[in-house]
PDB file of all heavy atoms in Angstrom:
ATOM      1  N   PRO A   1     226.257  34.730 100.827  1.00  0.00           N
ATOM      2  CA  PRO A   1     227.271  33.926 101.485  1.00  0.00           C
ATOM      3  C   PRO A   1     227.279  32.430 101.207  1.00  0.00           C
ATOM      4  O   PRO A   1     228.396  31.803 101.246  1.00  0.00           O
ATOM      5  CB  PRO A   1     227.023  34.154 102.990  1.00  0.00           C
ATOM      6  CG  PRO A   1     226.224  35.440 102.956  1.00  0.00           C
ATOM      7  CD  PRO A   1     225.421  35.508 101.695  1.00  0.00           C
ATOM      8  N   ALA A   2     226.242  31.869 100.902  1.00  0.00           N
ATOM      9  CA  ALA A   2     226.085  30.467 100.584  1.00  0.00           C
ATOM     10  C   ALA A   2     226.874  30.106  99.279  1.00  0.00           C
ATOM     11  O   ALA A   2     227.319  28.878  99.152  1.00  0.00           O
ATOM     12  CB  ALA A   2     224.584  29.947 100.402  1.00  0.00           C
ATOM     13  N   ASN A   3     227.152  31.108  98.405  1.00  0.00           N
ATOM     14  CA  ASN A   3     227.899  30.806  97.219  1.00  0.00           C
ATOM     15  C   ASN A   3     229.349  30.418  97.477  1.00  0.00           C
ATOM     16  O   ASN A   3     229.900  29.733  96.750  1.00  0.00           O
ATOM     17  CB  ASN A   3     227.862  31.982  96.302  1.00  0.00           C
ATOM     18  CG  ASN A   3     226.512  32.217  95.673  1.00  0.00           C
ATOM     19  OD1 ASN A   3     225.680  31.270  95.502  1.00  0.00           O
ATOM     20  ND2 ASN A   3     226.218  33.454  95.174  1.00  0.00           N
ATOM     21  N   TYR A   4     229.888  30.879  98.646  1.00  0.00           N
ATOM     22  CA  TYR A   4     231.263  30.591  98.950  1.00  0.00           C
ATOM     23  C   TYR A   4     231.262  28.982  99.164  1.00  0.00           C
ATOM     24  O   TYR A   4     232.325  28.457  99.037  1.00  0.00           O
ATOM     25  CB  TYR A   4     231.650  31.388 100.252  1.00  0.00           C
ATOM     26  CG  TYR A   4     231.943  32.803  99.958  1.00  0.00           C
ATOM     27  CD1 TYR A   4     231.133  33.742 100.423  1.00  0.00           C
ATOM     28  CD2 TYR A   4     233.031  33.099  99.117  1.00  0.00           C
ATOM     29  CE1 TYR A   4     231.428  35.070 100.237  1.00  0.00           C
ATOM     30  CE2 TYR A   4     233.315  34.464  98.852  1.00  0.00           C
ATOM     31  CZ  TYR A   4     232.492  35.407  99.383  1.00  0.00           C
ATOM     32  OH  TYR A   4     232.763  36.793  99.129  1.00  0.00           O
ATOM     33  N   LEU A   5     230.239  28.395  99.799  1.00  0.00           N
ATOM     34  CA  LEU A   5     230.220  27.010 100.098  1.00  0.00           C
ATOM     35  C   LEU A   5     229.732  26.212  98.881  1.00  0.00           C
ATOM     36  O   LEU A   5     230.316  25.124  98.657  1.00  0.00           O
ATOM     37  CB  LEU A   5     229.352  26.768 101.312  1.00  0.00           C
ATOM     38  CG  LEU A   5     229.777  27.347 102.696  1.00  0.00           C
ATOM     39  CD1 LEU A   5     228.729  27.146 103.741  1.00  0.00           C
ATOM     40  CD2 LEU A   5     231.104  26.746 103.013  1.00  0.00           C
ATOM     41  N   PHE A   6     228.702  26.637  98.176  1.00  0.00           N
ATOM     42  CA  PHE A   6     228.096  25.774  97.197  1.00  0.00           C
ATOM     43  C   PHE A   6     228.291  26.216  95.773  1.00  0.00           C
ATOM     44  O   PHE A   6     228.118  25.407  94.821  1.00  0.00           O
ATOM     45  CB  PHE A   6     226.619  25.721  97.510  1.00  0.00           C
ATOM     46  CG  PHE A   6     226.291  25.314  98.961  1.00  0.00           C
ATOM     47  CD1 PHE A   6     225.699  26.201  99.827  1.00  0.00           C
ATOM     48  CD2 PHE A   6     226.526  24.023  99.301  1.00  0.00           C
ATOM     49  CE1 PHE A   6     225.360  25.718 101.115  1.00  0.00           C
ATOM     50  CE2 PHE A   6     226.303  23.578 100.609  1.00  0.00           C
ATOM     51  CZ  PHE A   6     225.715  24.479 101.461  1.00  0.00           C
ATOM     52  N   LYS A   7     228.696  27.479  95.556  1.00  0.00           N
ATOM     53  CA  LYS A   7     228.933  27.936  94.116  1.00  0.00           C
ATOM     54  C   LYS A   7     230.185  28.818  94.173  1.00  0.00           C
ATOM     55  O   LYS A   7     230.209  30.024  93.836  1.00  0.00           O
ATOM     56  CB  LYS A   7     227.751  28.781  93.605  1.00  0.00           C
ATOM     57  CG  LYS A   7     226.523  27.980  93.409  1.00  0.00           C
ATOM     58  CD  LYS A   7     225.434  28.859  92.872  1.00  0.00           C
ATOM     59  CE  LYS A   7     224.139  28.025  92.612  1.00  0.00           C
ATOM     60  NZ  LYS A   7     223.018  29.039  91.914  1.00  0.00           N
ATOM     61  N   PRO A   8     231.360  28.249  94.607  1.00  0.00           N
ATOM     62  CA  PRO A   8     232.570  28.992  94.671  1.00  0.00           C
ATOM     63  C   PRO A   8     233.081  29.648  93.336  1.00  0.00           C
ATOM     64  O   PRO A   8     233.836  30.519  93.337  1.00  0.00           O
ATOM     65  CB  PRO A   8     233.662  28.051  95.204  1.00  0.00           C
ATOM     66  CG  PRO A   8     233.057  26.678  94.772  1.00  0.00           C
ATOM     67  CD  PRO A   8     231.627  26.771  94.761  1.00  0.00           C
ATOM     68  N   GLU A   9     232.556  29.071  92.189  1.00  0.00           N
ATOM     69  CA  GLU A   9     232.954  29.613  90.869  1.00  0.00           C
ATOM     70  C   GLU A   9     232.175  30.808  90.545  1.00  0.00           C
ATOM     71  O   GLU A   9     232.358  31.591  89.626  1.00  0.00           O
ATOM     72  CB  GLU A   9     232.824  28.508  89.872  1.00  0.00           C
ATOM     73  CG  GLU A   9     231.489  28.222  89.430  1.00  0.00           C
ATOM     74  CD  GLU A   9     230.611  27.367  90.470  1.00  0.00           C
ATOM     75  OE1 GLU A   9     231.276  26.852  91.419  1.00  0.00           O
ATOM     76  OE2 GLU A   9     229.392  27.164  90.345  1.00  0.00           O
ATOM     77  N   HIS A  10     231.044  31.086  91.253  1.00  0.00           N
ATOM     78  CA  HIS A  10     230.153  32.286  90.964  1.00  0.00           C
ATOM     79  C   HIS A  10     230.881  33.671  91.183  1.00  0.00           C
ATOM     80  O   HIS A  10     231.573  33.837  92.124  1.00  0.00           O
ATOM     81  CB  HIS A  10     228.923  32.202  91.971  1.00  0.00           C
ATOM     82  CG  HIS A  10     227.923  33.239  91.525  1.00  0.00           C
ATOM     83  ND1 HIS A  10     227.249  33.232  90.310  1.00  0.00           N
ATOM     84  CD2 HIS A  10     227.449  34.342  92.251  1.00  0.00           C
ATOM     85  CE1 HIS A  10     226.441  34.356  90.320  1.00  0.00           C
ATOM     86  NE2 HIS A  10     226.528  34.941  91.502  1.00  0.00           N
ATOM     87  N   ARG A  11     230.862  34.487  90.174  1.00  0.00           N
ATOM     88  CA  ARG A  11     231.559  35.697  90.236  1.00  0.00           C
ATOM     89  C   ARG A  11     230.500  36.920  90.059  1.00  0.00           C
ATOM     90  O   ARG A  11     229.597  36.884  89.256  1.00  0.00           O
ATOM     91  CB  ARG A  11     232.550  35.939  89.114  1.00  0.00           C
ATOM     92  CG  ARG A  11     233.594  34.818  89.044  1.00  0.00           C
ATOM     93  CD  ARG A  11     234.618  34.975  90.100  1.00  0.00           C
ATOM     94  NE  ARG A  11     235.629  33.979  90.125  1.00  0.00           N
ATOM     95  CZ  ARG A  11     235.582  32.732  90.776  1.00  0.00           C
ATOM     96  NH1 ARG A  11     234.585  32.529  91.601  1.00  0.00           N
ATOM     97  NH2 ARG A  11     236.592  31.866  90.709  1.00  0.00           N
ATOM     98  N   VAL A  12     230.684  37.887  90.974  1.00  0.00           N
ATOM     99  CA  VAL A  12     229.797  39.087  90.846  1.00  0.00           C
ATOM    100  C   VAL A  12     230.704  40.297  90.813  1.00  0.00           C
ATOM    101  O   VAL A  12     231.438  40.687  91.802  1.00  0.00           O
ATOM    102  CB  VAL A  12     228.919  39.223  92.187  1.00  0.00           C
ATOM    103  CG1 VAL A  12     228.034  40.443  92.038  1.00  0.00           C
ATOM    104  CG2 VAL A  12     228.069  37.969  92.257  1.00  0.00           C
ATOM    105  N   LEU A  13     230.921  40.874  89.639  1.00  0.00           N
ATOM    106  CA  LEU A  13     231.796  42.038  89.398  1.00  0.00           C
ATOM    107  C   LEU A  13     231.089  43.304  89.483  1.00  0.00           C
ATOM    108  O   LEU A  13     229.947  43.480  88.813  1.00  0.00           O
ATOM    109  CB  LEU A  13     232.563  41.894  88.105  1.00  0.00           C
ATOM    110  CG  LEU A  13     233.366  40.549  87.998  1.00  0.00           C
ATOM    111  CD1 LEU A  13     234.082  40.478  86.600  1.00  0.00           C
ATOM    112  CD2 LEU A  13     234.450  40.495  89.012  1.00  0.00           C
ATOM    113  N   GLY A  14     231.615  44.261  90.212  1.00  0.00           N
ATOM    114  CA  GLY A  14     230.961  45.608  90.219  1.00  0.00           C
ATOM    115  C   GLY A  14     231.479  46.480  89.184  1.00  0.00           C
ATOM    116  O   GLY A  14     232.236  46.135  88.244  1.00  0.00           O
ATOM    117  N   PRO A  15     231.290  47.749  89.386  1.00  0.00           N
ATOM    118  CA  PRO A  15     231.734  48.825  88.352  1.00  0.00           C
ATOM    119  C   PRO A  15     233.229  48.902  88.351  1.00  0.00           C
ATOM    120  O   PRO A  15     233.916  48.566  89.435  1.00  0.00           O
ATOM    121  CB  PRO A  15     231.005  50.139  88.824  1.00  0.00           C
ATOM    122  CG  PRO A  15     230.716  49.940  90.228  1.00  0.00           C
ATOM    123  CD  PRO A  15     230.445  48.360  90.449  1.00  0.00           C
ATOM    124  N   GLU A  16     233.857  49.296  87.300  1.00  0.00           N
ATOM    125  CA  GLU A  16     235.248  49.471  87.096  1.00  0.00           C
ATOM    126  C   GLU A  16     235.776  50.534  88.130  1.00  0.00           C
ATOM    127  O   GLU A  16     235.181  51.563  88.194  1.00  0.00           O
ATOM    128  CB  GLU A  16     235.676  49.794  85.686  1.00  0.00           C
ATOM    129  CG  GLU A  16     237.111  49.746  85.483  1.00  0.00           C
ATOM    130  CD  GLU A  16     237.488  50.055  84.132  1.00  0.00           C
ATOM    131  OE1 GLU A  16     236.785  50.624  83.291  1.00  0.00           O
ATOM    132  OE2 GLU A  16     238.616  49.684  83.690  1.00  0.00           O
ATOM    133  N   LEU A  17     236.825  50.160  88.686  1.00  0.00           N
ATOM    134  CA  LEU A  17     237.551  51.071  89.669  1.00  0.00           C
ATOM    135  C   LEU A  17     238.759  51.751  88.964  1.00  0.00           C
ATOM    136  O   LEU A  17     239.169  51.197  87.910  1.00  0.00           O
ATOM    137  CB  LEU A  17     237.988  50.398  90.877  1.00  0.00           C
ATOM    138  CG  LEU A  17     236.923  49.878  91.777  1.00  0.00           C
ATOM    139  CD1 LEU A  17     237.385  49.056  93.077  1.00  0.00           C
ATOM    140  CD2 LEU A  17     235.953  51.041  92.272  1.00  0.00           C
ATOM    141  N   PRO A  18     239.263  52.826  89.571  1.00  0.00           N
ATOM    142  CA  PRO A  18     240.381  53.605  88.816  1.00  0.00           C
ATOM    143  C   PRO A  18     241.703  52.835  89.058  1.00  0.00           C
ATOM    144  O   PRO A  18     242.680  53.448  89.620  1.00  0.00           O
ATOM    145  CB  PRO A  18     240.264  54.947  89.558  1.00  0.00           C
ATOM    146  CG  PRO A  18     239.779  54.677  90.863  1.00  0.00           C
ATOM    147  CD  PRO A  18     238.746  53.570  90.733  1.00  0.00           C
ATOM    148  N   TRP A  19     241.877  51.587  88.633  1.00  0.00           N
ATOM    149  CA  TRP A  19     243.080  50.801  88.831  1.00  0.00           C
ATOM    150  C   TRP A  19     244.218  51.481  87.947  1.00  0.00           C
ATOM    151  O   TRP A  19     245.341  51.305  88.369  1.00  0.00           O
ATOM    152  CB  TRP A  19     242.880  49.371  88.382  1.00  0.00           C
ATOM    153  CG  TRP A  19     242.444  49.108  86.946  1.00  0.00           C
ATOM    154  CD1 TRP A  19     241.224  49.101  86.444  1.00  0.00           C
ATOM    155  CD2 TRP A  19     243.388  48.913  85.880  1.00  0.00           C
ATOM    156  NE1 TRP A  19     241.264  48.930  85.064  1.00  0.00           N
ATOM    157  CE2 TRP A  19     242.616  48.690  84.723  1.00  0.00           C
ATOM    158  CE3 TRP A  19     244.728  48.829  85.803  1.00  0.00           C
ATOM    159  CZ2 TRP A  19     243.088  48.507  83.513  1.00  0.00           C
ATOM    160  CZ3 TRP A  19     245.298  48.525  84.562  1.00  0.00           C
ATOM    161  CH2 TRP A  19     244.452  48.330  83.392  1.00  0.00           C
ATOM    162  N   ARG A  20     243.947  52.036  86.864  1.00  0.00           N
ATOM    163  CA  ARG A  20     244.932  52.662  86.005  1.00  0.00           C
ATOM    164  C   ARG A  20     245.672  53.810  86.733  1.00  0.00           C
ATOM    165  O   ARG A  20     246.850  54.025  86.751  1.00  0.00           O
ATOM    166  CB  ARG A  20     244.405  53.107  84.645  1.00  0.00           C
ATOM    167  CG  ARG A  20     243.988  52.024  83.803  1.00  0.00           C
ATOM    168  CD  ARG A  20     243.355  52.564  82.439  1.00  0.00           C
ATOM    169  NE  ARG A  20     242.760  51.505  81.621  1.00  0.00           N
ATOM    170  CZ  ARG A  20     241.531  51.026  81.803  1.00  0.00           C
ATOM    171  NH1 ARG A  20     240.750  51.476  82.714  1.00  0.00           N
ATOM    172  NH2 ARG A  20     241.055  50.023  80.963  1.00  0.00           N
ATOM    173  N   ASP A  21     244.875  54.612  87.483  1.00  0.00           N
ATOM    174  CA  ASP A  21     245.324  55.621  88.265  1.00  0.00           C
ATOM    175  C   ASP A  21     246.296  55.053  89.399  1.00  0.00           C
ATOM    176  O   ASP A  21     247.370  55.644  89.709  1.00  0.00           O
ATOM    177  CB  ASP A  21     244.286  56.501  88.956  1.00  0.00           C
ATOM    178  CG  ASP A  21     243.534  57.218  87.928  1.00  0.00           C
ATOM    179  OD1 ASP A  21     243.915  57.352  86.720  1.00  0.00           O
ATOM    180  OD2 ASP A  21     242.355  57.642  88.209  1.00  0.00           O
ATOM    181  N   LEU A  22     245.813  53.945  89.996  1.00  0.00           N
ATOM    182  CA  LEU A  22     246.644  53.356  91.115  1.00  0.00           C
ATOM    183  C   LEU A  22     247.900  52.852  90.576  1.00  0.00           C
ATOM    184  O   LEU A  22     249.001  53.015  91.178  1.00  0.00           O
ATOM    185  CB  LEU A  22     245.816  52.260  91.781  1.00  0.00           C
ATOM    186  CG  LEU A  22     246.524  51.611  92.944  1.00  0.00           C
ATOM    187  CD1 LEU A  22     246.691  52.605  94.116  1.00  0.00           C
ATOM    188  CD2 LEU A  22     245.720  50.463  93.465  1.00  0.00           C
ATOM    189  N   ARG A  23     247.837  52.218  89.373  1.00  0.00           N
ATOM    190  CA  ARG A  23     249.080  51.572  88.785  1.00  0.00           C
ATOM    191  C   ARG A  23     250.033  52.750  88.529  1.00  0.00           C
ATOM    192  O   ARG A  23     251.262  52.696  88.745  1.00  0.00           O
ATOM    193  CB  ARG A  23     248.742  50.812  87.566  1.00  0.00           C
ATOM    194  CG  ARG A  23     249.929  50.236  86.852  1.00  0.00           C
ATOM    195  CD  ARG A  23     249.716  49.646  85.506  1.00  0.00           C
ATOM    196  NE  ARG A  23     250.878  49.017  84.961  1.00  0.00           N
ATOM    197  CZ  ARG A  23     251.805  49.598  84.360  1.00  0.00           C
ATOM    198  NH1 ARG A  23     251.701  51.018  84.182  1.00  0.00           N
ATOM    199  NH2 ARG A  23     252.843  48.969  83.873  1.00  0.00           N
ATOM    200  N   ALA A  24     249.571  53.842  87.836  1.00  0.00           N
ATOM    201  CA  ALA A  24     250.383  54.968  87.556  1.00  0.00           C
ATOM    202  C   ALA A  24     251.060  55.590  88.746  1.00  0.00           C
ATOM    203  O   ALA A  24     252.299  55.892  88.717  1.00  0.00           O
ATOM    204  CB  ALA A  24     249.642  56.047  86.764  1.00  0.00           C
ATOM    205  N   ALA A  25     250.307  55.692  89.888  1.00  0.00           N
ATOM    206  CA  ALA A  25     250.865  56.243  91.061  1.00  0.00           C
ATOM    207  C   ALA A  25     251.987  55.378  91.609  1.00  0.00           C
ATOM    208  O   ALA A  25     253.006  55.860  92.030  1.00  0.00           O
ATOM    209  CB  ALA A  25     249.744  56.507  92.070  1.00  0.00           C
ATOM    210  N   PHE A  26     251.776  54.034  91.635  1.00  0.00           N
ATOM    211  CA  PHE A  26     252.737  53.066  92.138  1.00  0.00           C
ATOM    212  C   PHE A  26     254.048  53.200  91.331  1.00  0.00           C
ATOM    213  O   PHE A  26     255.080  53.246  91.905  1.00  0.00           O
ATOM    214  CB  PHE A  26     252.175  51.698  92.070  1.00  0.00           C
ATOM    215  CG  PHE A  26     251.277  51.267  93.162  1.00  0.00           C
ATOM    216  CD1 PHE A  26     250.709  49.993  93.237  1.00  0.00           C
ATOM    217  CD2 PHE A  26     250.998  52.130  94.204  1.00  0.00           C
ATOM    218  CE1 PHE A  26     249.808  49.616  94.293  1.00  0.00           C
ATOM    219  CE2 PHE A  26     250.236  51.837  95.270  1.00  0.00           C
ATOM    220  CZ  PHE A  26     249.556  50.491  95.313  1.00  0.00           C
ATOM    221  N   VAL A  27     253.838  53.111  90.015  1.00  0.00           N
ATOM    222  CA  VAL A  27     255.032  53.189  89.060  1.00  0.00           C
ATOM    223  C   VAL A  27     255.798  54.486  89.238  1.00  0.00           C
ATOM    224  O   VAL A  27     256.889  54.553  89.240  1.00  0.00           O
ATOM    225  CB  VAL A  27     254.574  52.986  87.698  1.00  0.00           C
ATOM    226  CG1 VAL A  27     255.744  53.176  86.707  1.00  0.00           C
ATOM    227  CG2 VAL A  27     254.094  51.542  87.546  1.00  0.00           C
ATOM    228  N   GLU A  28     255.028  55.585  89.394  1.00  0.00           N
ATOM    229  CA  GLU A  28     255.725  56.900  89.424  1.00  0.00           C
ATOM    230  C   GLU A  28     256.502  57.029  90.822  1.00  0.00           C
ATOM    231  O   GLU A  28     257.541  57.496  90.749  1.00  0.00           O
ATOM    232  CB  GLU A  28     254.605  57.952  89.579  1.00  0.00           C
ATOM    233  CG  GLU A  28     255.174  59.437  89.670  1.00  0.00           C
ATOM    234  CD  GLU A  28     254.073  60.514  89.634  1.00  0.00           C
ATOM    235  OE1 GLU A  28     252.888  60.161  89.370  1.00  0.00           O
ATOM    236  OE2 GLU A  28     254.452  61.662  89.965  1.00  0.00           O
TER     237      GLU A  28
END
């Protein structure tokens, strides 16, 4: 939580999520 105050540029990315499936469903 301290990164929000002192290192806001810090990024922690997790595993890829099924965004392509979500996009396809929205467009459909």
